[in-house]
Amino acid sequence: MPLNNPERALATLVGEFHALYMAVQVLAKTHENPNLAISELATAEQLGLAALEPHAIPDATVGGYQDVVAGIRGALVANPLYSRS
């Protein structure tokens, strides 16, 4: 499918991102060790933010990144195997 139309390319990207995000939500809610996954997510979040830091990117990009990480963390906390200890 040619994506030479910027609006179509953006719509395709949004759809692909949403599908990937939902797949991650399912994996997080069924992960066998959500406590370990939350710990690994925190590490990945810090590494990801550090990788973005030296680049001139819009604040909205950082905000979107943080929103996605928060959503994944929320899915891990919703996992029935998650323990708050």
N, C-alpha and C. Protein backbone atom coordinates (compact mmCIF):
# COMPACT_ATOMS: atom_id res chain seq x y z
N MET A 1 0.85 -1.17 0.00
CA MET A 1 0.00 0.00 0.00
C MET A 1 0.89 1.23 0.00
N PRO A 2 0.78 2.08 -1.02
CA PRO A 2 1.61 3.28 -1.06
C PRO A 2 1.18 4.28 0.01
N LEU A 3 2.18 4.83 0.67
CA LEU A 3 1.90 5.79 1.74
C LEU A 3 2.45 7.17 1.38
N ASN A 4 2.27 7.55 0.11
CA ASN A 4 2.76 8.86 -0.31
C ASN A 4 1.84 9.99 0.10
N ASN A 5 0.67 9.68 0.63
CA ASN A 5 -0.25 10.67 1.15
C ASN A 5 0.04 10.81 2.65
N PRO A 6 0.49 11.99 3.11
CA PRO A 6 0.86 12.15 4.52
C PRO A 6 -0.27 11.82 5.50
N GLU A 7 -1.50 12.18 5.17
CA GLU A 7 -2.62 11.88 6.07
C GLU A 7 -2.85 10.37 6.17
N ARG A 8 -2.76 9.69 5.04
CA ARG A 8 -2.94 8.24 5.03
C ARG A 8 -1.79 7.56 5.78
N ALA A 9 -0.58 8.06 5.60
CA ALA A 9 0.58 7.49 6.29
C ALA A 9 0.42 7.66 7.80
N LEU A 10 -0.02 8.83 8.22
CA LEU A 10 -0.21 9.07 9.66
C LEU A 10 -1.32 8.19 10.21
N ALA A 11 -2.43 8.07 9.48
CA ALA A 11 -3.53 7.21 9.93
C ALA A 11 -3.08 5.76 10.03
N THR A 12 -2.27 5.31 9.07
CA THR A 12 -1.76 3.94 9.11
C THR A 12 -0.86 3.75 10.33
N LEU A 13 0.01 4.70 10.58
CA LEU A 13 0.91 4.63 11.73
C LEU A 13 0.13 4.60 13.04
N VAL A 14 -0.90 5.41 13.15
CA VAL A 14 -1.73 5.42 14.36
C VAL A 14 -2.40 4.06 14.55
N GLY A 15 -2.94 3.50 13.49
CA GLY A 15 -3.58 2.19 13.57
C GLY A 15 -2.60 1.10 13.98
N GLU A 16 -1.42 1.12 13.38
CA GLU A 16 -0.40 0.12 13.72
C GLU A 16 0.04 0.27 15.17
N PHE A 17 0.23 1.50 15.62
CA PHE A 17 0.63 1.73 17.00
C PHE A 17 -0.44 1.23 17.96
N HIS A 18 -1.70 1.52 17.66
CA HIS A 18 -2.78 1.10 18.54
C HIS A 18 -2.85 -0.42 18.64
N ALA A 19 -2.69 -1.11 17.53
CA ALA A 19 -2.71 -2.58 17.54
C ALA A 19 -1.55 -3.13 18.36
N LEU A 20 -0.37 -2.56 18.20
CA LEU A 20 0.79 -3.00 18.97
C LEU A 20 0.59 -2.73 20.45
N TYR A 21 0.07 -1.56 20.78
CA TYR A 21 -0.18 -1.20 22.18
C TYR A 21 -1.18 -2.16 22.82
N MET A 22 -2.23 -2.51 22.11
CA MET A 22 -3.21 -3.44 22.65
C MET A 22 -2.60 -4.83 22.86
N ALA A 23 -1.74 -5.26 21.96
CA ALA A 23 -1.06 -6.55 22.12
C ALA A 23 -0.19 -6.53 23.37
N VAL A 24 0.51 -5.44 23.61
CA VAL A 24 1.34 -5.32 24.81
C VAL A 24 0.46 -5.34 26.06
N GLN A 25 -0.70 -4.71 26.00
CA GLN A 25 -1.62 -4.72 27.14
C GLN A 25 -2.04 -6.15 27.48
N VAL A 26 -2.35 -6.93 26.47
CA VAL A 26 -2.74 -8.33 26.69
C VAL A 26 -1.58 -9.11 27.31
N LEU A 27 -0.40 -8.94 26.78
CA LEU A 27 0.77 -9.64 27.33
C LEU A 27 1.04 -9.23 28.77
N ALA A 28 0.90 -7.96 29.07
CA ALA A 28 1.13 -7.48 30.43
C ALA A 28 0.11 -8.05 31.41
N LYS A 29 -1.14 -8.11 30.97
CA LYS A 29 -2.20 -8.61 31.87
C LYS A 29 -2.13 -10.11 32.09
N THR A 30 -1.34 -10.81 31.26
CA THR A 30 -1.23 -12.26 31.41
C THR A 30 0.20 -12.70 31.71
N HIS A 31 1.09 -11.77 31.95
CA HIS A 31 2.50 -12.10 32.21
C HIS A 31 2.61 -12.97 33.46
N GLU A 32 3.47 -13.98 33.42
CA GLU A 32 3.59 -14.91 34.54
C GLU A 32 4.26 -14.30 35.76
N ASN A 33 5.02 -13.21 35.59
CA ASN A 33 5.67 -12.56 36.73
C ASN A 33 5.58 -11.05 36.55
N PRO A 34 4.40 -10.46 36.85
CA PRO A 34 4.23 -9.03 36.61
C PRO A 34 5.14 -8.16 37.47
N ASN A 35 5.52 -8.63 38.66
CA ASN A 35 6.41 -7.84 39.51
C ASN A 35 7.78 -7.66 38.84
N LEU A 36 8.31 -8.73 38.28
CA LEU A 36 9.58 -8.65 37.56
C LEU A 36 9.43 -7.77 36.32
N ALA A 37 8.32 -7.91 35.63
CA ALA A 37 8.08 -7.12 34.42
C ALA A 37 8.01 -5.63 34.75
N ILE A 38 7.41 -5.26 35.89
CA ILE A 38 7.35 -3.86 36.29
C ILE A 38 8.75 -3.34 36.56
N SER A 39 9.57 -4.13 37.21
CA SER A 39 10.96 -3.74 37.46
C SER A 39 11.72 -3.53 36.15
N GLU A 40 11.56 -4.46 35.23
CA GLU A 40 12.23 -4.34 33.93
C GLU A 40 11.69 -3.15 33.13
N LEU A 41 10.39 -2.90 33.24
CA LEU A 41 9.79 -1.76 32.56
C LEU A 41 10.37 -0.45 33.08
N ALA A 42 10.57 -0.36 34.39
CA ALA A 42 11.14 0.86 34.98
C ALA A 42 12.55 1.10 34.44
N THR A 43 13.32 0.05 34.33
CA THR A 43 14.67 0.17 33.78
C THR A 43 14.61 0.61 32.32
N ALA A 44 13.76 -0.03 31.55
CA ALA A 44 13.62 0.31 30.13
C ALA A 44 13.13 1.75 29.97
N GLU A 45 12.23 2.18 30.85
CA GLU A 45 11.72 3.55 30.77
C GLU A 45 12.85 4.55 30.95
N GLN A 46 13.69 4.33 31.93
CA GLN A 46 14.80 5.25 32.18
C GLN A 46 15.79 5.25 31.02
N LEU A 47 16.09 4.07 30.49
CA LEU A 47 17.00 3.98 29.34
C LEU A 47 16.40 4.67 28.12
N GLY A 48 15.10 4.49 27.92
CA GLY A 48 14.44 5.13 26.79
C GLY A 48 14.43 6.64 26.90
N LEU A 49 14.15 7.14 28.10
CA LEU A 49 14.17 8.60 28.30
C LEU A 49 15.57 9.16 28.12
N ALA A 50 16.57 8.42 28.61
CA ALA A 50 17.96 8.87 28.44
C ALA A 50 18.35 8.91 26.96
N ALA A 51 17.83 7.98 26.18
CA ALA A 51 18.12 7.96 24.75
C ALA A 51 17.46 9.12 24.02
N LEU A 52 16.31 9.56 24.51
CA LEU A 52 15.61 10.69 23.88
C LEU A 52 16.22 12.04 24.26
N GLU A 53 16.81 12.10 25.44
CA GLU A 53 17.27 13.36 26.01
C GLU A 53 18.19 14.19 25.11
N PRO A 54 19.20 13.60 24.47
CA PRO A 54 20.11 14.44 23.69
C PRO A 54 19.52 14.98 22.38
N HIS A 55 18.32 14.57 22.03
CA HIS A 55 17.72 14.97 20.76
C HIS A 55 16.70 16.08 20.97
N ALA A 56 16.60 16.93 19.99
CA ALA A 56 15.60 17.99 20.02
C ALA A 56 14.26 17.40 19.58
N ILE A 57 13.47 16.98 20.55
CA ILE A 57 12.16 16.41 20.25
C ILE A 57 11.10 17.20 21.00
N PRO A 58 9.90 17.23 20.47
CA PRO A 58 8.84 17.98 21.14
C PRO A 58 8.48 17.38 22.51
N ASP A 59 8.04 18.24 23.42
CA ASP A 59 7.59 17.78 24.73
C ASP A 59 6.45 16.77 24.60
N ALA A 60 5.64 16.93 23.57
CA ALA A 60 4.52 16.00 23.36
C ALA A 60 5.03 14.59 23.10
N THR A 61 6.18 14.45 22.49
CA THR A 61 6.75 13.13 22.25
C THR A 61 7.11 12.47 23.56
N VAL A 62 7.76 13.22 24.43
CA VAL A 62 8.12 12.69 25.76
C VAL A 62 6.85 12.36 26.54
N GLY A 63 5.86 13.24 26.47
CA GLY A 63 4.60 12.99 27.16
C GLY A 63 3.91 11.74 26.65
N GLY A 64 3.92 11.55 25.33
CA GLY A 64 3.32 10.34 24.75
C GLY A 64 4.06 9.09 25.19
N TYR A 65 5.36 9.16 25.23
CA TYR A 65 6.19 8.04 25.69
C TYR A 65 5.82 7.69 27.13
N GLN A 66 5.74 8.70 27.98
CA GLN A 66 5.40 8.47 29.38
C GLN A 66 3.98 7.93 29.54
N ASP A 67 3.06 8.38 28.71
CA ASP A 67 1.68 7.87 28.77
C ASP A 67 1.63 6.38 28.41
N VAL A 68 2.38 6.00 27.39
CA VAL A 68 2.40 4.59 26.98
C VAL A 68 3.00 3.72 28.09
N VAL A 69 4.11 4.17 28.67
CA VAL A 69 4.75 3.41 29.76
C VAL A 69 3.78 3.29 30.94
N ALA A 70 3.08 4.37 31.26
CA ALA A 70 2.11 4.33 32.36
C ALA A 70 0.98 3.34 32.05
N GLY A 71 0.54 3.29 30.81
CA GLY A 71 -0.51 2.34 30.43
C GLY A 71 -0.05 0.90 30.56
N ILE A 72 1.18 0.63 30.17
CA ILE A 72 1.72 -0.73 30.31
C ILE A 72 1.87 -1.08 31.78
N ARG A 73 2.38 -0.13 32.57
CA ARG A 73 2.50 -0.37 34.02
C ARG A 73 1.13 -0.66 34.63
N GLY A 74 0.12 0.08 34.21
CA GLY A 74 -1.24 -0.15 34.71
C GLY A 74 -1.76 -1.53 34.36
N ALA A 75 -1.43 -2.00 33.15
CA ALA A 75 -1.85 -3.35 32.75
C ALA A 75 -1.14 -4.40 33.60
N LEU A 76 0.13 -4.18 33.91
CA LEU A 76 0.86 -5.13 34.75
C LEU A 76 0.29 -5.16 36.17
N VAL A 77 -0.09 -4.00 36.69
CA VAL A 77 -0.69 -3.94 38.03
C VAL A 77 -2.06 -4.62 38.03
N ALA A 78 -2.76 -4.58 36.89
CA ALA A 78 -4.08 -5.23 36.79
C ALA A 78 -3.97 -6.75 36.66
N ASN A 79 -2.76 -7.24 36.42
CA ASN A 79 -2.54 -8.68 36.30
C ASN A 79 -2.89 -9.35 37.62
N PRO A 80 -3.70 -10.41 37.59
CA PRO A 80 -4.09 -11.08 38.84
C PRO A 80 -2.91 -11.65 39.63
N LEU A 81 -1.78 -11.87 38.99
CA LEU A 81 -0.62 -12.40 39.68
C LEU A 81 0.25 -11.32 40.34
N TYR A 82 -0.10 -10.05 40.11
CA TYR A 82 0.66 -8.95 40.69
C TYR A 82 0.46 -8.92 42.21
N SER A 83 1.58 -8.80 42.93
CA SER A 83 1.48 -8.66 44.39
C SER A 83 2.09 -7.33 44.78
N ARG A 84 1.43 -6.64 45.67
CA ARG A 84 1.85 -5.30 46.06
C ARG A 84 2.97 -5.30 47.10
N SER A 85 3.54 -6.44 47.38
CA SER A 85 4.60 -6.49 48.39
C SER A 85 5.96 -6.12 47.83
